[in-house]
Structures are given as structure tokens and as C-alpha cells.
Amino acid sequence: MNCNGSSDYFMAAVLMLAFMVGITGNVTAFCYFWQRRNRSVHNMLYLAICLTDIFTSLLSVPVFITLFDNRSEIVFGNTGVCGAWWIALYFTVRLSMFLVAIISITRTISIVIPLQAVKRSTVRNVIIIYILYMVTLYMIYLPLKWHVIGYYEEYSYCMFLIKNNDAPQAAKLFSYFTIQSETSSSSNCNIY
């Protein structure tokens, strides 16, 4: 792999700046909404999004450490750490997107049916069901060993890639639509 060190340092610096801004902003917002947590469904949702985004920001730390260290496997050298990082990252990213969708839906309900209050318990239950769905999905799908986890220097982070051509077509489609489409990106380095 022939990567330009200065571009890696630039990407790491930008990622570290985004981390610092993300942590500062989300912790500040979390403290604000924590004080108002019993007032509305939206405050509860904003609290959940702030917490999810704090964890997402924390998960960027190993990536910029890796970029600063010339894309070495300093953090991602252990397969267990690699797999846990990948699962945690995509769990928080998916949960964050889901929470934004729930905010949009609750706002739409408030506009379309202004006299009908959205219950906090309903929203909380929907979020819990979605989290259970994601955990169940990971628990069923990943142990089937159709994937290999590894650190990929060209991306400077860990990924699950489908490894078995004998995997059922449904598994390949599931992998493509839920895993590979989220992790596919172009690399700035030339691979030789």
C-alpha cells in the first residue's frame, strides 16, 4: 500500500477536529436536554440522539490514531477488538438514523393531528423494539461465519466482508444491502 502520509495526517486532523466538536456539542446538548428530560417526547429523543452521537464520536478515536500512526494496526490488531468496534460503530450509526426518523415521524404527527399527543411510552417502546431487532440481527447473522472481520489498511479501519461463496443468496443480499453498502467507499491510496 502506497499512501501519502500528509493526506493521512490531514484526514486524521480533520477527524480529530470533528471528534472534539462532536463531543463538546453533544455533551453540552445532552446536559441541556437532561435538565428538561421530563417535559416532552422530543426532549427524550434529543437526549437519545446526543448520547448515540457521543458514542459515535468516541468510536472515531481509533481511526484517527491509526491514521496518525501510518495506518498501522496499533488499535485494530486484535480481531475481537476489530469486530467489537465495527459492530458498535454500525449499531450507533443505524440507531442515530433511526432516531432522526422517529423525530420526523413524531413532528409529522404533531402537525397533522395537533390535538393528539405522542406518548413518551410509545416512542420509548418503538426505540427498544428497534434496538432488540438490531441485536437479534447481529446475534443471528454474524455467528453464521459467512463473513471475515479484518483491518483493511486502505480504509484504515475494520470491516466485515462476505467470505464464503457458498453462503445462501439471501445472506449475500442481506450482506450487500445492510453491511457492504454502508462500508463501501473509495480510497485515497493506490493499492499495488
N, C-alpha and C. Protein backbone atom coordinates (compact mmCIF):
# COMPACT_ATOMS: atom_id res chain seq x y z
N MET A 1 0.85 -1.17 0.00
CA MET A 1 0.00 0.00 0.00
C MET A 1 0.88 1.22 0.00
N ASN A 2 0.64 2.12 -0.93
CA ASN A 2 1.41 3.36 -1.01
C ASN A 2 0.47 4.52 -0.72
N CYS A 3 0.52 5.02 0.50
CA CYS A 3 -0.36 6.11 0.91
C CYS A 3 0.46 7.35 1.15
N ASN A 4 -0.12 8.47 0.86
CA ASN A 4 0.53 9.75 1.10
C ASN A 4 0.39 10.10 2.57
N GLY A 5 1.49 10.19 3.29
CA GLY A 5 1.47 10.47 4.73
C GLY A 5 0.81 11.79 5.07
N SER A 6 1.07 12.83 4.25
CA SER A 6 0.49 14.13 4.57
C SER A 6 -1.03 14.12 4.43
N SER A 7 -1.55 13.38 3.46
CA SER A 7 -3.02 13.31 3.34
C SER A 7 -3.62 12.53 4.50
N ASP A 8 -2.91 11.50 4.99
CA ASP A 8 -3.38 10.77 6.17
C ASP A 8 -3.40 11.67 7.39
N TYR A 9 -2.35 12.47 7.55
CA TYR A 9 -2.31 13.40 8.69
C TYR A 9 -3.42 14.43 8.59
N PHE A 10 -3.68 14.90 7.37
CA PHE A 10 -4.76 15.86 7.18
C PHE A 10 -6.12 15.23 7.53
N MET A 11 -6.37 14.00 7.02
CA MET A 11 -7.63 13.31 7.32
C MET A 11 -7.76 13.06 8.83
N ALA A 12 -6.65 12.67 9.46
CA ALA A 12 -6.68 12.42 10.91
C ALA A 12 -6.97 13.71 11.67
N ALA A 13 -6.36 14.81 11.24
CA ALA A 13 -6.59 16.09 11.92
C ALA A 13 -8.04 16.54 11.77
N VAL A 14 -8.59 16.38 10.57
CA VAL A 14 -10.00 16.74 10.35
C VAL A 14 -10.91 15.85 11.19
N LEU A 15 -10.61 14.56 11.23
CA LEU A 15 -11.41 13.63 12.03
C LEU A 15 -11.30 13.95 13.52
N MET A 16 -10.10 14.33 13.96
CA MET A 16 -9.92 14.69 15.37
C MET A 16 -10.66 15.99 15.69
N LEU A 17 -10.65 16.94 14.79
CA LEU A 17 -11.41 18.18 14.99
C LEU A 17 -12.91 17.89 15.05
N ALA A 18 -13.39 17.03 14.15
CA ALA A 18 -14.80 16.64 14.18
C ALA A 18 -15.14 15.92 15.48
N PHE A 19 -14.22 15.11 15.97
CA PHE A 19 -14.41 14.43 17.25
C PHE A 19 -14.56 15.44 18.38
N MET A 20 -13.64 16.42 18.43
CA MET A 20 -13.69 17.40 19.52
C MET A 20 -14.96 18.25 19.47
N VAL A 21 -15.33 18.68 18.28
CA VAL A 21 -16.56 19.47 18.12
C VAL A 21 -17.77 18.61 18.46
N GLY A 22 -17.77 17.36 17.98
CA GLY A 22 -18.89 16.45 18.23
C GLY A 22 -19.06 16.14 19.70
N ILE A 23 -17.98 15.86 20.40
CA ILE A 23 -18.07 15.56 21.83
C ILE A 23 -18.53 16.80 22.59
N THR A 24 -17.91 17.95 22.32
CA THR A 24 -18.27 19.19 23.03
C THR A 24 -19.73 19.55 22.80
N GLY A 25 -20.14 19.55 21.55
CA GLY A 25 -21.52 19.92 21.22
C GLY A 25 -22.55 18.95 21.78
N ASN A 26 -22.27 17.67 21.66
CA ASN A 26 -23.23 16.68 22.12
C ASN A 26 -23.31 16.59 23.64
N VAL A 27 -22.18 16.76 24.32
CA VAL A 27 -22.21 16.75 25.79
C VAL A 27 -22.96 17.98 26.29
N THR A 28 -22.72 19.14 25.66
CA THR A 28 -23.45 20.36 26.03
C THR A 28 -24.95 20.19 25.80
N ALA A 29 -25.32 19.68 24.64
CA ALA A 29 -26.73 19.47 24.33
C ALA A 29 -27.34 18.43 25.27
N PHE A 30 -26.59 17.38 25.58
CA PHE A 30 -27.08 16.36 26.50
C PHE A 30 -27.40 16.97 27.86
N CYS A 31 -26.48 17.80 28.37
CA CYS A 31 -26.71 18.45 29.68
C CYS A 31 -27.94 19.35 29.64
N TYR A 32 -28.13 20.07 28.53
CA TYR A 32 -29.30 20.93 28.39
C TYR A 32 -30.59 20.11 28.40
N PHE A 33 -30.64 19.07 27.57
CA PHE A 33 -31.86 18.26 27.49
C PHE A 33 -32.07 17.40 28.72
N TRP A 34 -31.00 17.08 29.45
CA TRP A 34 -31.15 16.32 30.69
C TRP A 34 -31.95 17.13 31.70
N GLN A 35 -31.74 18.43 31.75
CA GLN A 35 -32.48 19.29 32.66
C GLN A 35 -33.95 19.37 32.30
N ARG A 36 -34.27 19.18 31.04
CA ARG A 36 -35.65 19.27 30.55
C ARG A 36 -36.24 17.91 30.18
N ARG A 37 -35.66 16.83 30.67
CA ARG A 37 -35.99 15.48 30.20
C ARG A 37 -37.44 15.05 30.42
N ASN A 38 -38.13 15.59 31.39
CA ASN A 38 -39.49 15.15 31.68
C ASN A 38 -40.56 15.98 30.99
N ARG A 39 -40.17 16.87 30.12
CA ARG A 39 -41.15 17.79 29.54
C ARG A 39 -41.82 17.29 28.26
N SER A 40 -41.07 16.65 27.37
CA SER A 40 -41.69 16.25 26.10
C SER A 40 -41.01 15.03 25.50
N VAL A 41 -41.69 14.47 24.53
CA VAL A 41 -41.15 13.34 23.77
C VAL A 41 -39.91 13.79 23.02
N HIS A 42 -39.95 14.99 22.48
CA HIS A 42 -38.83 15.47 21.68
C HIS A 42 -37.57 15.62 22.53
N ASN A 43 -37.70 16.10 23.75
CA ASN A 43 -36.53 16.19 24.63
C ASN A 43 -35.93 14.81 24.89
N MET A 44 -36.79 13.82 25.08
CA MET A 44 -36.32 12.46 25.28
C MET A 44 -35.55 11.97 24.04
N LEU A 45 -36.09 12.27 22.86
CA LEU A 45 -35.44 11.85 21.62
C LEU A 45 -34.11 12.58 21.42
N TYR A 46 -34.08 13.87 21.74
CA TYR A 46 -32.83 14.62 21.61
C TYR A 46 -31.77 14.09 22.57
N LEU A 47 -32.19 13.70 23.77
CA LEU A 47 -31.26 13.07 24.72
C LEU A 47 -30.67 11.79 24.12
N ALA A 48 -31.54 10.97 23.55
CA ALA A 48 -31.09 9.71 22.97
C ALA A 48 -30.14 9.95 21.79
N ILE A 49 -30.44 10.94 20.95
CA ILE A 49 -29.56 11.23 19.82
C ILE A 49 -28.22 11.76 20.30
N CYS A 50 -28.24 12.64 21.30
CA CYS A 50 -26.97 13.16 21.84
C CYS A 50 -26.11 12.02 22.38
N LEU A 51 -26.70 11.12 23.12
CA LEU A 51 -25.95 10.00 23.69
C LEU A 51 -25.40 9.09 22.58
N THR A 52 -26.22 8.82 21.60
CA THR A 52 -25.77 7.98 20.48
C THR A 52 -24.63 8.66 19.71
N ASP A 53 -24.75 9.96 19.49
CA ASP A 53 -23.70 10.68 18.75
C ASP A 53 -22.41 10.81 19.56
N ILE A 54 -22.52 10.87 20.88
CA ILE A 54 -21.32 10.87 21.72
C ILE A 54 -20.56 9.56 21.52
N PHE A 55 -21.28 8.44 21.54
CA PHE A 55 -20.63 7.14 21.33
C PHE A 55 -20.06 7.03 19.92
N THR A 56 -20.77 7.54 18.93
CA THR A 56 -20.27 7.51 17.56
C THR A 56 -18.98 8.32 17.45
N SER A 57 -18.96 9.48 18.09
CA SER A 57 -17.74 10.30 18.08
C SER A 57 -16.58 9.58 18.75
N LEU A 58 -16.85 8.94 19.88
CA LEU A 58 -15.79 8.20 20.58
C LEU A 58 -15.22 7.08 19.72
N LEU A 59 -16.07 6.49 18.89
CA LEU A 59 -15.62 5.39 18.03
C LEU A 59 -14.72 5.86 16.89
N SER A 60 -14.63 7.18 16.67
CA SER A 60 -13.72 7.68 15.64
C SER A 60 -12.28 7.77 16.13
N VAL A 61 -12.08 7.71 17.44
CA VAL A 61 -10.73 7.84 18.01
C VAL A 61 -9.76 6.80 17.45
N PRO A 62 -10.11 5.51 17.42
CA PRO A 62 -9.15 4.54 16.87
C PRO A 62 -8.77 4.81 15.41
N VAL A 63 -9.70 5.39 14.65
CA VAL A 63 -9.41 5.64 13.23
C VAL A 63 -8.37 6.74 13.10
N PHE A 64 -8.53 7.85 13.83
CA PHE A 64 -7.51 8.89 13.66
C PHE A 64 -6.19 8.52 14.33
N ILE A 65 -6.22 7.67 15.35
CA ILE A 65 -4.96 7.17 15.90
C ILE A 65 -4.24 6.33 14.84
N THR A 66 -4.99 5.50 14.15
CA THR A 66 -4.43 4.67 13.08
C THR A 66 -3.86 5.53 11.95
N LEU A 67 -4.58 6.57 11.58
CA LEU A 67 -4.10 7.45 10.51
C LEU A 67 -2.83 8.20 10.93
N PHE A 68 -2.78 8.65 12.18
CA PHE A 68 -1.57 9.32 12.66
C PHE A 68 -0.39 8.37 12.75
N ASP A 69 -0.65 7.08 12.90
CA ASP A 69 0.42 6.08 13.04
C ASP A 69 0.67 5.34 11.73
N ASN A 70 0.54 6.05 10.61
CA ASN A 70 0.85 5.50 9.29
C ASN A 70 0.02 4.25 8.96
N ARG A 71 -1.24 4.27 9.37
CA ARG A 71 -2.21 3.20 9.09
C ARG A 71 -1.80 1.85 9.66
N SER A 72 -1.05 1.86 10.74
CA SER A 72 -0.66 0.59 11.35
C SER A 72 -1.85 0.00 12.09
N GLU A 73 -1.72 -1.26 12.46
CA GLU A 73 -2.79 -1.95 13.18
C GLU A 73 -2.68 -1.73 14.69
N ILE A 74 -2.20 -0.59 15.11
CA ILE A 74 -1.95 -0.31 16.51
C ILE A 74 -3.19 -0.54 17.38
N VAL A 75 -4.35 -0.15 16.89
CA VAL A 75 -5.59 -0.33 17.66
C VAL A 75 -6.36 -1.54 17.18
N PHE A 76 -6.34 -1.78 15.89
CA PHE A 76 -7.17 -2.82 15.28
C PHE A 76 -6.44 -4.13 15.05
N GLY A 77 -5.34 -4.36 15.72
CA GLY A 77 -4.57 -5.59 15.53
C GLY A 77 -5.26 -6.84 16.04
N ASN A 78 -6.13 -6.70 17.01
CA ASN A 78 -6.85 -7.83 17.60
C ASN A 78 -8.19 -7.99 16.89
N THR A 79 -8.48 -9.18 16.42
CA THR A 79 -9.74 -9.43 15.70
C THR A 79 -10.96 -9.17 16.57
N GLY A 80 -10.89 -9.51 17.85
CA GLY A 80 -12.01 -9.26 18.75
C GLY A 80 -12.30 -7.78 18.91
N VAL A 81 -11.23 -7.00 19.07
CA VAL A 81 -11.40 -5.54 19.17
C VAL A 81 -11.95 -4.99 17.86
N CYS A 82 -11.43 -5.51 16.77
CA CYS A 82 -11.87 -5.09 15.43
C CYS A 82 -13.37 -5.35 15.25
N GLY A 83 -13.81 -6.55 15.58
CA GLY A 83 -15.22 -6.91 15.43
C GLY A 83 -16.11 -6.11 16.35
N ALA A 84 -15.70 -5.93 17.60
CA ALA A 84 -16.49 -5.15 18.55
C ALA A 84 -16.60 -3.70 18.10
N TRP A 85 -15.50 -3.14 17.58
CA TRP A 85 -15.53 -1.75 17.10
C TRP A 85 -16.50 -1.63 15.93
N TRP A 86 -16.41 -2.56 14.98
CA TRP A 86 -17.27 -2.49 13.80
C TRP A 86 -18.75 -2.60 14.19
N ILE A 87 -19.07 -3.55 15.05
CA ILE A 87 -20.46 -3.72 15.48
C ILE A 87 -20.95 -2.48 16.22
N ALA A 88 -20.13 -1.95 17.13
CA ALA A 88 -20.52 -0.76 17.88
C ALA A 88 -20.71 0.44 16.96
N LEU A 89 -19.82 0.61 15.98
CA LEU A 89 -19.93 1.74 15.06
C LEU A 89 -21.23 1.67 14.26
N TYR A 90 -21.48 0.54 13.64
CA TYR A 90 -22.67 0.46 12.79
C TYR A 90 -23.95 0.40 13.61
N PHE A 91 -23.88 -0.09 14.81
CA PHE A 91 -25.03 -0.06 15.71
C PHE A 91 -25.39 1.40 16.03
N THR A 92 -24.39 2.20 16.41
CA THR A 92 -24.68 3.60 16.77
C THR A 92 -25.10 4.43 15.56
N VAL A 93 -24.49 4.16 14.42
CA VAL A 93 -24.85 4.91 13.21
C VAL A 93 -26.30 4.60 12.82
N ARG A 94 -26.66 3.32 12.82
CA ARG A 94 -28.03 2.93 12.47
C ARG A 94 -29.03 3.47 13.48
N LEU A 95 -28.68 3.42 14.76
CA LEU A 95 -29.58 3.92 15.80
C LEU A 95 -29.78 5.43 15.66
N SER A 96 -28.72 6.14 15.34
CA SER A 96 -28.82 7.59 15.14
C SER A 96 -29.76 7.92 13.98
N MET A 97 -29.64 7.20 12.88
CA MET A 97 -30.53 7.43 11.73
C MET A 97 -31.97 7.09 12.10
N PHE A 98 -32.15 6.02 12.84
CA PHE A 98 -33.49 5.63 13.26
C PHE A 98 -34.11 6.70 14.16
N LEU A 99 -33.33 7.24 15.07
CA LEU A 99 -33.85 8.28 15.97
C LEU A 99 -34.24 9.54 15.21
N VAL A 100 -33.47 9.91 14.21
CA VAL A 100 -33.84 11.06 13.38
C VAL A 100 -35.16 10.78 12.66
N ALA A 101 -35.34 9.55 12.18
CA ALA A 101 -36.62 9.19 11.53
C ALA A 101 -37.77 9.28 12.53
N ILE A 102 -37.55 8.84 13.76
CA ILE A 102 -38.60 8.91 14.79
C ILE A 102 -38.94 10.37 15.09
N ILE A 103 -37.94 11.22 15.16
CA ILE A 103 -38.22 12.66 15.37
C ILE A 103 -39.08 13.19 14.23
N SER A 104 -38.75 12.84 13.01
CA SER A 104 -39.53 13.31 11.85
C SER A 104 -40.97 12.81 11.92
N ILE A 105 -41.13 11.55 12.30
CA ILE A 105 -42.48 10.97 12.39
C ILE A 105 -43.28 11.64 13.49
N THR A 106 -42.67 11.85 14.66
CA THR A 106 -43.41 12.48 15.77
C THR A 106 -43.76 13.93 15.44
N ARG A 107 -42.90 14.63 14.74
CA ARG A 107 -43.21 16.01 14.32
C ARG A 107 -44.34 16.01 13.31
N THR A 108 -44.31 15.06 12.38
CA THR A 108 -45.39 14.98 11.39
C THR A 108 -46.72 14.71 12.07
N ILE A 109 -46.72 13.81 13.04
CA ILE A 109 -47.95 13.53 13.78
C ILE A 109 -48.43 14.78 14.51
N SER A 110 -47.51 15.53 15.09
CA SER A 110 -47.87 16.76 15.81
C SER A 110 -48.46 17.80 14.87
N ILE A 111 -48.01 17.83 13.63
CA ILE A 111 -48.54 18.80 12.66
C ILE A 111 -49.87 18.34 12.10
N VAL A 112 -49.97 17.06 11.72
CA VAL A 112 -51.18 16.54 11.09
C VAL A 112 -52.31 16.40 12.10
N ILE A 113 -52.01 15.93 13.29
CA ILE A 113 -53.03 15.75 14.34
C ILE A 113 -52.58 16.55 15.57
N PRO A 114 -52.75 17.88 15.56
CA PRO A 114 -52.20 18.71 16.63
C PRO A 114 -52.77 18.45 18.02
N LEU A 115 -53.95 17.93 18.11
CA LEU A 115 -54.56 17.69 19.43
C LEU A 115 -54.23 16.30 19.99
N GLN A 116 -53.57 15.49 19.20
CA GLN A 116 -53.20 14.15 19.63
C GLN A 116 -51.74 14.15 20.08
N ALA A 117 -51.52 13.97 21.36
CA ALA A 117 -50.16 13.96 21.89
C ALA A 117 -49.51 12.59 21.64
N VAL A 118 -48.26 12.63 21.26
CA VAL A 118 -47.50 11.41 21.09
C VAL A 118 -47.00 10.99 22.47
N LYS A 119 -47.28 9.76 22.86
CA LYS A 119 -46.90 9.29 24.19
C LYS A 119 -45.43 8.93 24.25
N ARG A 120 -44.80 9.34 25.35
CA ARG A 120 -43.39 9.00 25.56
C ARG A 120 -43.20 7.49 25.63
N SER A 121 -44.15 6.81 26.25
CA SER A 121 -44.02 5.35 26.38
C SER A 121 -44.06 4.66 25.02
N THR A 122 -44.88 5.16 24.11
CA THR A 122 -44.95 4.58 22.77
C THR A 122 -43.62 4.75 22.04
N VAL A 123 -43.08 5.96 22.10
CA VAL A 123 -41.81 6.23 21.43
C VAL A 123 -40.69 5.40 22.06
N ARG A 124 -40.66 5.35 23.39
CA ARG A 124 -39.64 4.55 24.09
C ARG A 124 -39.74 3.09 23.67
N ASN A 125 -40.95 2.55 23.60
CA ASN A 125 -41.14 1.14 23.21
C ASN A 125 -40.69 0.88 21.78
N VAL A 126 -40.96 1.82 20.88
CA VAL A 126 -40.53 1.67 19.49
C VAL A 126 -39.00 1.65 19.42
N ILE A 127 -38.35 2.50 20.19
CA ILE A 127 -36.89 2.53 20.20
C ILE A 127 -36.34 1.22 20.77
N ILE A 128 -36.92 0.74 21.84
CA ILE A 128 -36.47 -0.53 22.44
C ILE A 128 -36.66 -1.68 21.47
N ILE A 129 -37.79 -1.71 20.77
CA ILE A 129 -38.03 -2.77 19.78
C ILE A 129 -36.99 -2.71 18.67
N TYR A 130 -36.64 -1.51 18.22
CA TYR A 130 -35.64 -1.38 17.16
C TYR A 130 -34.27 -1.85 17.65
N ILE A 131 -33.90 -1.49 18.87
CA ILE A 131 -32.62 -1.94 19.43
C ILE A 131 -32.60 -3.46 19.54
N LEU A 132 -33.69 -4.04 20.02
CA LEU A 132 -33.77 -5.50 20.12
C LEU A 132 -33.68 -6.16 18.75
N TYR A 133 -34.31 -5.54 17.76
CA TYR A 133 -34.24 -6.03 16.38
C TYR A 133 -32.78 -6.06 15.90
N MET A 134 -32.04 -4.96 16.13
CA MET A 134 -30.65 -4.90 15.68
C MET A 134 -29.78 -5.92 16.42
N VAL A 135 -29.97 -6.05 17.71
CA VAL A 135 -29.19 -7.01 18.49
C VAL A 135 -29.49 -8.43 18.01
N THR A 136 -30.76 -8.73 17.78
CA THR A 136 -31.15 -10.05 17.29
C THR A 136 -30.55 -10.31 15.92
N LEU A 137 -30.57 -9.31 15.07
CA LEU A 137 -30.00 -9.44 13.74
C LEU A 137 -28.52 -9.79 13.82
N TYR A 138 -27.78 -9.07 14.65
CA TYR A 138 -26.36 -9.36 14.81
C TYR A 138 -26.14 -10.75 15.41
N MET A 139 -26.96 -11.12 16.38
CA MET A 139 -26.78 -12.41 17.06
C MET A 139 -27.09 -13.58 16.14
N ILE A 140 -28.02 -13.40 15.22
CA ILE A 140 -28.38 -14.49 14.29
C ILE A 140 -27.42 -14.52 13.11
N TYR A 141 -27.16 -13.38 12.54
CA TYR A 141 -26.44 -13.34 11.27
C TYR A 141 -24.93 -13.53 11.42
N LEU A 142 -24.31 -12.81 12.32
CA LEU A 142 -22.85 -12.84 12.40
C LEU A 142 -22.26 -14.18 12.83
N PRO A 143 -22.88 -14.92 13.75
CA PRO A 143 -22.28 -16.22 14.12
C PRO A 143 -22.29 -17.27 13.01
N LEU A 144 -22.99 -17.02 11.91
CA LEU A 144 -23.03 -18.00 10.83
C LEU A 144 -21.71 -18.10 10.08
N LYS A 145 -20.79 -17.21 10.37
CA LYS A 145 -19.42 -17.24 9.84
C LYS A 145 -19.36 -17.17 8.32
N TRP A 146 -20.26 -16.39 7.75
CA TRP A 146 -20.19 -16.14 6.31
C TRP A 146 -19.29 -14.94 6.04
N HIS A 147 -18.83 -14.31 7.10
CA HIS A 147 -18.03 -13.10 6.96
C HIS A 147 -16.67 -13.28 7.61
N VAL A 148 -15.75 -12.46 7.18
CA VAL A 148 -14.45 -12.39 7.82
C VAL A 148 -14.26 -10.95 8.28
N ILE A 149 -13.78 -10.81 9.51
CA ILE A 149 -13.51 -9.48 10.05
C ILE A 149 -12.02 -9.23 9.91
N GLY A 150 -11.69 -8.02 9.58
CA GLY A 150 -10.28 -7.70 9.48
C GLY A 150 -10.04 -6.22 9.36
N TYR A 151 -8.81 -5.86 9.62
CA TYR A 151 -8.37 -4.48 9.46
C TYR A 151 -7.94 -4.30 8.01
N TYR A 152 -8.46 -3.28 7.37
CA TYR A 152 -8.13 -3.00 5.98
C TYR A 152 -7.40 -1.68 5.91
N GLU A 153 -6.12 -1.78 5.58
CA GLU A 153 -5.24 -0.61 5.60
C GLU A 153 -5.72 0.48 4.66
N GLU A 154 -6.29 0.10 3.52
CA GLU A 154 -6.74 1.11 2.56
C GLU A 154 -7.87 1.98 3.11
N TYR A 155 -8.63 1.46 4.06
CA TYR A 155 -9.70 2.23 4.69
C TYR A 155 -9.29 2.74 6.06
N SER A 156 -8.27 2.17 6.63
CA SER A 156 -7.74 2.44 7.97
C SER A 156 -8.75 2.17 9.08
N TYR A 157 -9.59 1.17 8.86
CA TYR A 157 -10.49 0.68 9.90
C TYR A 157 -10.91 -0.75 9.59
N CYS A 158 -11.66 -1.34 10.50
CA CYS A 158 -12.09 -2.74 10.39
C CYS A 158 -13.37 -2.86 9.58
N MET A 159 -13.53 -4.00 8.95
CA MET A 159 -14.73 -4.28 8.17
C MET A 159 -15.07 -5.77 8.25
N PHE A 160 -16.35 -6.07 8.08
CA PHE A 160 -16.81 -7.42 7.85
C PHE A 160 -17.00 -7.56 6.34
N LEU A 161 -16.41 -8.58 5.75
CA LEU A 161 -16.61 -8.84 4.33
C LEU A 161 -17.09 -10.27 4.16
N ILE A 162 -18.01 -10.48 3.22
CA ILE A 162 -18.52 -11.83 2.97
C ILE A 162 -17.37 -12.65 2.39
N LYS A 163 -17.17 -13.85 2.91
CA LYS A 163 -16.03 -14.66 2.50
C LYS A 163 -16.41 -15.95 1.81
N ASN A 164 -17.60 -16.41 2.02
CA ASN A 164 -17.95 -17.74 1.58
C ASN A 164 -18.85 -17.65 0.36
N ASN A 165 -18.37 -18.13 -0.77
CA ASN A 165 -19.20 -18.13 -1.98
C ASN A 165 -20.35 -19.11 -1.87
N ASP A 166 -20.28 -20.03 -0.89
CA ASP A 166 -21.35 -20.99 -0.69
C ASP A 166 -22.45 -20.45 0.22
N ALA A 167 -22.30 -19.21 0.67
CA ALA A 167 -23.34 -18.61 1.52
C ALA A 167 -24.64 -18.51 0.72
N PRO A 168 -25.78 -18.71 1.38
CA PRO A 168 -27.05 -18.62 0.66
C PRO A 168 -27.23 -17.25 0.01
N GLN A 169 -27.97 -17.22 -1.08
CA GLN A 169 -28.20 -15.98 -1.81
C GLN A 169 -28.83 -14.92 -0.89
N ALA A 170 -29.71 -15.34 -0.01
CA ALA A 170 -30.34 -14.39 0.92
C ALA A 170 -29.28 -13.74 1.81
N ALA A 171 -28.29 -14.49 2.23
CA ALA A 171 -27.22 -13.93 3.07
C ALA A 171 -26.39 -12.92 2.29
N LYS A 172 -26.13 -13.24 1.02
CA LYS A 172 -25.37 -12.31 0.19
C LYS A 172 -26.13 -11.02 -0.03
N LEU A 173 -27.44 -11.14 -0.29
CA LEU A 173 -28.26 -9.93 -0.47
C LEU A 173 -28.33 -9.13 0.82
N PHE A 174 -28.53 -9.82 1.93
CA PHE A 174 -28.56 -9.14 3.23
C PHE A 174 -27.24 -8.42 3.47
N SER A 175 -26.15 -9.10 3.20
CA SER A 175 -24.82 -8.51 3.39
C SER A 175 -24.67 -7.28 2.51
N TYR A 176 -25.08 -7.38 1.28
CA TYR A 176 -24.92 -6.25 0.36
C TYR A 176 -25.73 -5.05 0.82
N PHE A 177 -27.01 -5.27 1.15
CA PHE A 177 -27.88 -4.14 1.45
C PHE A 177 -27.67 -3.56 2.85
N THR A 178 -27.24 -4.37 3.81
CA THR A 178 -27.12 -3.84 5.16
C THR A 178 -25.70 -3.61 5.63
N ILE A 179 -24.75 -4.29 5.05
CA ILE A 179 -23.38 -4.15 5.54
C ILE A 179 -22.48 -3.53 4.48
N GLN A 180 -22.37 -4.16 3.33
CA GLN A 180 -21.43 -3.70 2.32
C GLN A 180 -21.77 -2.31 1.78
N SER A 181 -23.06 -2.00 1.62
CA SER A 181 -23.41 -0.69 1.09
C SER A 181 -23.03 0.42 2.05
N GLU A 182 -23.00 0.12 3.36
CA GLU A 182 -22.61 1.12 4.34
C GLU A 182 -21.10 1.26 4.43
N THR A 183 -20.36 0.21 4.13
CA THR A 183 -18.92 0.26 4.32
C THR A 183 -18.16 0.52 3.03
N SER A 184 -18.85 0.54 1.89
CA SER A 184 -18.13 0.75 0.63
C SER A 184 -17.82 2.24 0.49
N SER A 185 -16.59 2.51 0.21
CA SER A 185 -16.15 3.88 -0.06
C SER A 185 -14.88 3.80 -0.87
N SER A 186 -14.56 4.89 -1.50
CA SER A 186 -13.35 4.88 -2.31
C SER A 186 -12.16 5.27 -1.44
N SER A 187 -11.04 4.74 -1.79
CA SER A 187 -9.81 5.00 -1.04
C SER A 187 -9.00 6.08 -1.72
N ASN A 188 -8.28 6.84 -0.94
CA ASN A 188 -7.40 7.88 -1.49
C ASN A 188 -6.02 7.36 -1.77
N CYS A 189 -5.77 6.08 -1.56
CA CYS A 189 -4.43 5.50 -1.72
C CYS A 189 -4.43 4.56 -2.92
N ASN A 190 -3.28 4.44 -3.53
CA ASN A 190 -3.11 3.48 -4.61
C ASN A 190 -2.72 2.13 -4.03
N ILE A 191 -3.40 1.08 -4.45
CA ILE A 191 -3.11 -0.26 -3.99
C ILE A 191 -2.27 -0.96 -5.05
N TYR A 192 -1.11 -1.45 -4.66
CA TYR A 192 -0.21 -2.12 -5.61
C TYR A 192 -0.14 -3.58 -5.31
